[in-house]
Amino acid sequence: MSQKLRQDAILDILQKQNYVSVKYLVDTLHYSNATINRDLNVLKQRNLINRSYGGVELISKSKLPALPFRYHFMKKEKRQICKIAAEQVCDGDTIFIDATTTTQFMSQYLIERKNLTVITNNLSLAGFLSEQGVDVICLGGRVVETPSMLYSDETAEFASRYLANKMFFSTSSFSPDGKIKNNGYIPLIYAMMKNSDKIYYLADHEKSQINAPKVVCDFGRVDVVISDYDFSDETKATFPNTEFFLA
């Protein structure tokens, strides 16, 4: 059985049982512990499973529609948020833009900037901007969500090689009291944050209704929040060093 077929078989088992031990997979698929562990490491890099204490758990995608569909959610709000975000970009800037469907909408507002360099893990964004004459650095790594999202340890390592004036990112959700949460891969966000002078978080109000399982950070870690969600005075007071732009 090829590696891909083994990995597909593992995912089929997890679809049915959600959680199993590594020993169960070894006994069921009749491959060595080392072979199964190699397959599991690949699936973990693809953000399809979690591993802990000899067990394997399927990461649920039930609340996350496919990437092409997510581009159509809250389009009006995302465009307004990204218009404001793009206004913060100056000629000559080097900026990180992540591969979320929110930041994708910045592209149309950036093509007039001069001497702009964009570093991104979004293949679609990289292609569009490069065709418009923008200097683009596309981070490498594994395509986790087709057709254009790159997320892996390799992507984070590539990001750590670059410095940026500004970083623009979004996530799966946020809480009204200022916690930024995500369903997916977080190390890339941290790598971009570490190497950026100023950090912008972009999110439409619908994300306040989603409770993603992983806490990335709180608003105190970012310099600017741009959203059509009107945060309370109490939340703003909790993060006095963070600017809030209402889209």
Protein backbone atom coordinates (compact mmCIF):
# COMPACT_ATOMS: atom_id res chain seq x y z
CA MET A 1 0.00 0.00 0.00
CA SER A 2 1.38 3.42 -0.95
CA GLN A 3 1.92 6.17 1.61
CA LYS A 4 -1.08 8.10 0.30
CA LEU A 5 -3.34 5.06 0.51
CA ARG A 6 -2.17 4.38 4.07
CA GLN A 7 -2.88 7.97 5.06
CA ASP A 8 -6.30 7.79 3.43
CA ALA A 9 -6.97 4.58 5.35
CA ILE A 10 -5.99 6.28 8.62
CA LEU A 11 -8.34 9.18 7.90
CA ASP A 12 -11.14 6.73 7.05
CA ILE A 13 -10.69 5.05 10.42
CA LEU A 14 -10.67 8.39 12.24
CA GLN A 15 -13.78 9.54 10.37
CA LYS A 16 -15.59 6.58 11.90
CA GLN A 17 -14.05 6.56 15.39
CA ASN A 18 -12.64 10.10 15.80
CA TYR A 19 -10.00 8.89 18.30
CA VAL A 20 -7.82 5.78 18.25
CA SER A 21 -4.47 4.67 19.63
CA VAL A 22 -1.36 4.36 17.49
CA LYS A 23 -1.27 0.67 18.44
CA TYR A 24 -4.79 0.25 17.06
CA LEU A 25 -3.65 1.67 13.71
CA VAL A 26 -0.57 -0.55 13.68
CA ASP A 27 -2.65 -3.66 14.39
CA THR A 28 -5.46 -2.75 11.99
CA LEU A 29 -3.35 -1.68 9.02
CA HIS A 30 -0.56 -4.24 9.61
CA TYR A 31 2.34 -1.83 9.27
CA SER A 32 5.21 -1.14 11.64
CA ASN A 33 5.00 1.43 14.40
CA ALA A 34 7.66 3.53 12.63
CA THR A 35 5.74 3.53 9.33
CA ILE A 36 2.45 4.52 10.96
CA ASN A 37 4.17 7.26 12.96
CA ARG A 38 5.69 8.69 9.79
CA ASP A 39 2.24 8.81 8.20
CA LEU A 40 0.78 10.43 11.31
CA ASN A 41 3.48 13.10 11.30
CA VAL A 42 2.55 13.99 7.73
CA LEU A 43 -1.16 14.17 8.61
CA LYS A 44 -0.36 16.36 11.60
CA GLN A 45 1.68 18.72 9.41
CA ARG A 46 -1.36 18.96 7.14
CA ASN A 47 -3.39 19.99 10.22
CA LEU A 48 -5.73 17.02 9.82
CA ILE A 49 -5.06 15.29 13.16
CA ASN A 50 -3.96 15.94 16.71
CA ARG A 51 -1.58 13.60 18.57
CA SER A 52 -1.24 13.09 22.31
CA TYR A 53 -0.18 10.33 24.70
CA GLY A 54 -0.08 7.57 22.09
CA GLY A 55 -3.46 8.54 20.63
CA VAL A 56 -4.64 10.17 17.44
CA GLU A 57 -7.65 12.46 17.08
CA LEU A 58 -9.27 13.81 13.93
CA ILE A 59 -9.49 17.59 13.76
CA SER A 60 -13.10 18.41 13.02
CA LYS A 61 -13.67 20.45 9.86
CA SER A 62 -17.45 20.41 10.19
CA LYS A 63 -17.67 24.09 11.13
CA LEU A 64 -15.21 25.23 8.48
CA PRO A 65 -16.63 25.37 4.93
CA ALA A 66 -14.27 24.83 2.00
CA LEU A 67 -11.99 27.72 1.12
CA PRO A 68 -13.71 28.77 -2.15
CA PHE A 69 -17.03 29.11 -0.29
CA ARG A 70 -15.53 31.14 2.55
CA TYR A 71 -14.45 33.84 0.12
CA HIS A 72 -18.12 34.64 -0.39
CA PHE A 73 -18.96 35.06 3.31
CA MET A 74 -19.29 38.64 4.56
CA LYS A 75 -17.76 40.03 1.34
CA LYS A 76 -19.03 43.57 1.83
CA GLU A 77 -17.70 43.75 5.38
CA LYS A 78 -14.36 42.19 4.44
CA ARG A 79 -13.87 44.67 1.62
CA GLN A 80 -14.52 47.63 3.91
CA ILE A 81 -12.20 46.24 6.57
CA CYS A 82 -9.47 45.64 3.98
CA LYS A 83 -9.90 49.09 2.45
CA ILE A 84 -9.13 50.60 5.84
CA ALA A 85 -6.24 48.18 6.32
CA ALA A 86 -4.72 49.05 2.94
CA GLU A 87 -4.85 52.75 3.85
CA GLN A 88 -2.31 51.98 6.58
CA VAL A 89 0.20 50.75 3.99
CA CYS A 90 2.76 53.31 2.79
CA ASP A 91 4.92 53.46 -0.33
CA GLY A 92 8.11 51.49 0.29
CA ASP A 93 6.65 49.24 2.97
CA THR A 94 7.40 45.56 3.36
CA ILE A 95 4.32 43.78 4.69
CA PHE A 96 3.22 40.32 5.76
CA ILE A 97 -0.27 39.27 4.62
CA ASP A 98 -1.60 35.90 5.75
CA ALA A 99 -3.67 33.50 3.65
CA THR A 100 -7.08 34.05 5.24
CA THR A 101 -10.10 34.90 3.12
CA THR A 102 -10.38 38.25 4.91
CA THR A 103 -6.94 39.60 4.04
CA GLN A 104 -7.35 38.36 0.46
CA PHE A 105 -9.53 41.42 -0.15
CA MET A 106 -6.61 43.78 0.51
CA SER A 107 -5.10 42.95 -2.87
CA GLN A 108 -7.24 45.31 -4.95
CA TYR A 109 -6.33 48.26 -2.74
CA LEU A 110 -2.56 47.70 -2.79
CA ILE A 111 -1.72 47.84 -6.48
CA GLU A 112 -1.28 51.64 -6.47
CA ARG A 113 1.44 51.54 -3.79
CA LYS A 114 4.98 52.22 -4.99
CA ASN A 115 7.98 50.05 -4.07
CA LEU A 116 5.77 47.75 -2.03
CA THR A 117 6.98 44.28 -1.01
CA VAL A 118 4.37 41.71 0.06
CA ILE A 119 5.33 38.51 1.89
CA THR A 120 2.51 35.97 1.94
CA ASN A 121 1.54 32.31 2.24
CA ASN A 122 -1.41 32.90 -0.11
CA LEU A 123 -0.65 31.59 -3.61
CA SER A 124 -3.66 33.36 -5.11
CA LEU A 125 -2.74 36.72 -3.58
CA ALA A 126 0.88 36.28 -4.67
CA GLY A 127 -0.17 35.57 -8.24
CA PHE A 128 -2.53 38.53 -8.49
CA LEU A 129 -0.16 41.09 -6.99
CA SER A 130 2.84 39.92 -8.98
CA GLU A 131 0.82 40.30 -12.19
CA GLN A 132 0.14 43.89 -11.12
CA GLY A 133 3.86 44.62 -10.75
CA VAL A 134 4.07 44.33 -6.96
CA ASP A 135 7.23 42.73 -5.55
CA VAL A 136 6.02 39.49 -3.93
CA ILE A 137 7.76 36.88 -1.77
CA CYS A 138 5.69 33.70 -1.55
CA LEU A 139 6.45 31.60 1.50
CA GLY A 140 7.01 27.92 0.87
CA GLY A 141 5.56 24.87 2.55
CA ARG A 142 2.64 22.52 2.23
CA VAL A 143 -0.67 23.41 0.56
CA VAL A 144 -3.11 22.66 3.38
CA GLU A 145 -6.24 24.19 1.88
CA THR A 146 -6.56 24.06 -1.88
CA PRO A 147 -6.10 25.94 -4.02
CA SER A 148 -3.97 28.58 -2.32
CA MET A 149 -3.27 28.29 1.43
CA LEU A 150 0.21 27.26 2.59
CA TYR A 151 0.52 26.32 6.27
CA SER A 152 3.24 24.13 7.76
CA ASP A 153 6.36 24.24 9.91
CA GLU A 154 8.31 24.96 6.74
CA THR A 155 6.10 27.99 6.03
CA ALA A 156 6.73 29.37 9.51
CA GLU A 157 10.46 28.78 9.11
CA PHE A 158 10.48 30.68 5.81
CA ALA A 159 8.56 33.54 7.40
CA SER A 160 11.14 33.83 10.19
CA ARG A 161 13.76 34.79 7.58
CA TYR A 162 12.05 38.08 6.73
CA LEU A 163 11.41 41.40 8.47
CA ALA A 164 8.33 43.51 7.78
CA ASN A 165 7.10 46.98 8.62
CA LYS A 166 3.55 45.72 9.07
CA MET A 167 1.64 42.46 9.41
CA PHE A 168 -2.01 41.93 8.46
CA PHE A 169 -3.79 38.79 9.59
CA SER A 170 -7.14 37.32 10.51
CA THR A 171 -8.28 34.17 12.31
CA SER A 172 -11.31 31.92 12.69
CA SER A 173 -12.81 33.92 15.56
CA PHE A 174 -12.43 36.44 18.35
CA SER A 175 -14.23 37.00 21.64
CA PRO A 176 -15.86 40.34 22.51
CA ASP A 177 -13.51 40.64 25.50
CA GLY A 178 -10.46 40.55 23.25
CA LYS A 179 -9.21 36.99 22.75
CA ILE A 180 -8.04 36.06 19.27
CA LYS A 181 -8.79 32.40 18.44
CA ASN A 182 -8.13 30.04 15.57
CA ASN A 183 -9.07 26.60 14.23
CA GLY A 184 -5.85 26.03 12.36
CA TYR A 185 -2.10 26.45 12.34
CA ILE A 186 -0.73 29.05 14.78
CA PRO A 187 3.12 28.98 14.59
CA LEU A 188 3.08 30.91 11.31
CA ILE A 189 1.15 33.74 12.97
CA TYR A 190 3.75 33.88 15.75
CA ALA A 191 6.64 33.92 13.28
CA MET A 192 5.11 36.85 11.39
CA MET A 193 4.33 38.70 14.62
CA LYS A 194 7.88 38.32 15.91
CA ASN A 195 9.35 39.88 12.76
CA SER A 196 6.87 42.74 12.23
CA ASP A 197 7.14 46.30 13.54
CA LYS A 198 3.37 46.80 13.65
CA ILE A 199 0.60 44.19 13.78
CA TYR A 200 -2.95 44.58 12.42
CA TYR A 201 -5.77 42.17 13.20
CA LEU A 202 -8.70 42.12 10.74
CA ALA A 203 -12.05 40.44 11.48
CA ASP A 204 -15.72 40.85 10.59
CA HIS A 205 -18.41 40.73 13.28
CA GLU A 206 -19.54 37.19 12.41
CA LYS A 207 -16.30 35.86 13.86
CA SER A 208 -17.49 36.95 17.30
CA GLN A 209 -20.18 34.22 17.05
CA ILE A 210 -17.65 31.42 16.48
CA ASN A 211 -15.77 29.77 19.33
CA ALA A 212 -12.57 28.42 17.80
CA PRO A 213 -10.67 26.03 20.10
CA LYS A 214 -7.17 27.57 20.07
CA VAL A 215 -6.30 30.91 21.69
CA VAL A 216 -3.65 32.72 19.65
CA CYS A 217 -3.27 35.78 21.90
CA ASP A 218 -5.32 38.71 23.09
CA PHE A 219 -5.68 42.21 21.66
CA GLY A 220 -2.77 43.37 23.80
CA ARG A 221 -0.44 41.54 21.39
CA VAL A 222 -1.59 43.54 18.35
CA ASP A 223 -1.26 47.23 17.60
CA VAL A 224 -4.48 47.73 15.65
CA VAL A 225 -7.83 45.94 15.44
CA ILE A 226 -9.92 46.67 12.34
CA SER A 227 -13.46 45.31 12.46
CA ASP A 228 -17.10 46.17 11.83
CA TYR A 229 -17.75 44.84 15.35
CA ASP A 230 -18.21 47.73 17.77
CA PHE A 231 -16.18 46.72 20.81
CA SER A 232 -17.30 47.94 24.22
CA ASP A 233 -15.55 50.76 26.05
CA GLU A 234 -14.61 48.19 28.69
CA THR A 235 -12.77 46.03 26.16
CA LYS A 236 -10.98 49.05 24.70
CA ALA A 237 -9.97 50.17 28.18
CA THR A 238 -8.53 46.72 28.88
CA PHE A 239 -6.11 47.20 25.96
CA PRO A 240 -5.06 50.86 26.14
CA ASN A 241 -2.12 50.42 23.75
CA THR A 242 -4.26 48.92 20.99
CA GLU A 243 -6.06 51.10 18.44
CA PHE A 244 -9.57 50.12 17.34
CA PHE A 245 -10.81 51.09 13.86
CA LEU A 246 -14.53 50.61 13.26
CA ALA A 247 -15.17 49.63 9.63
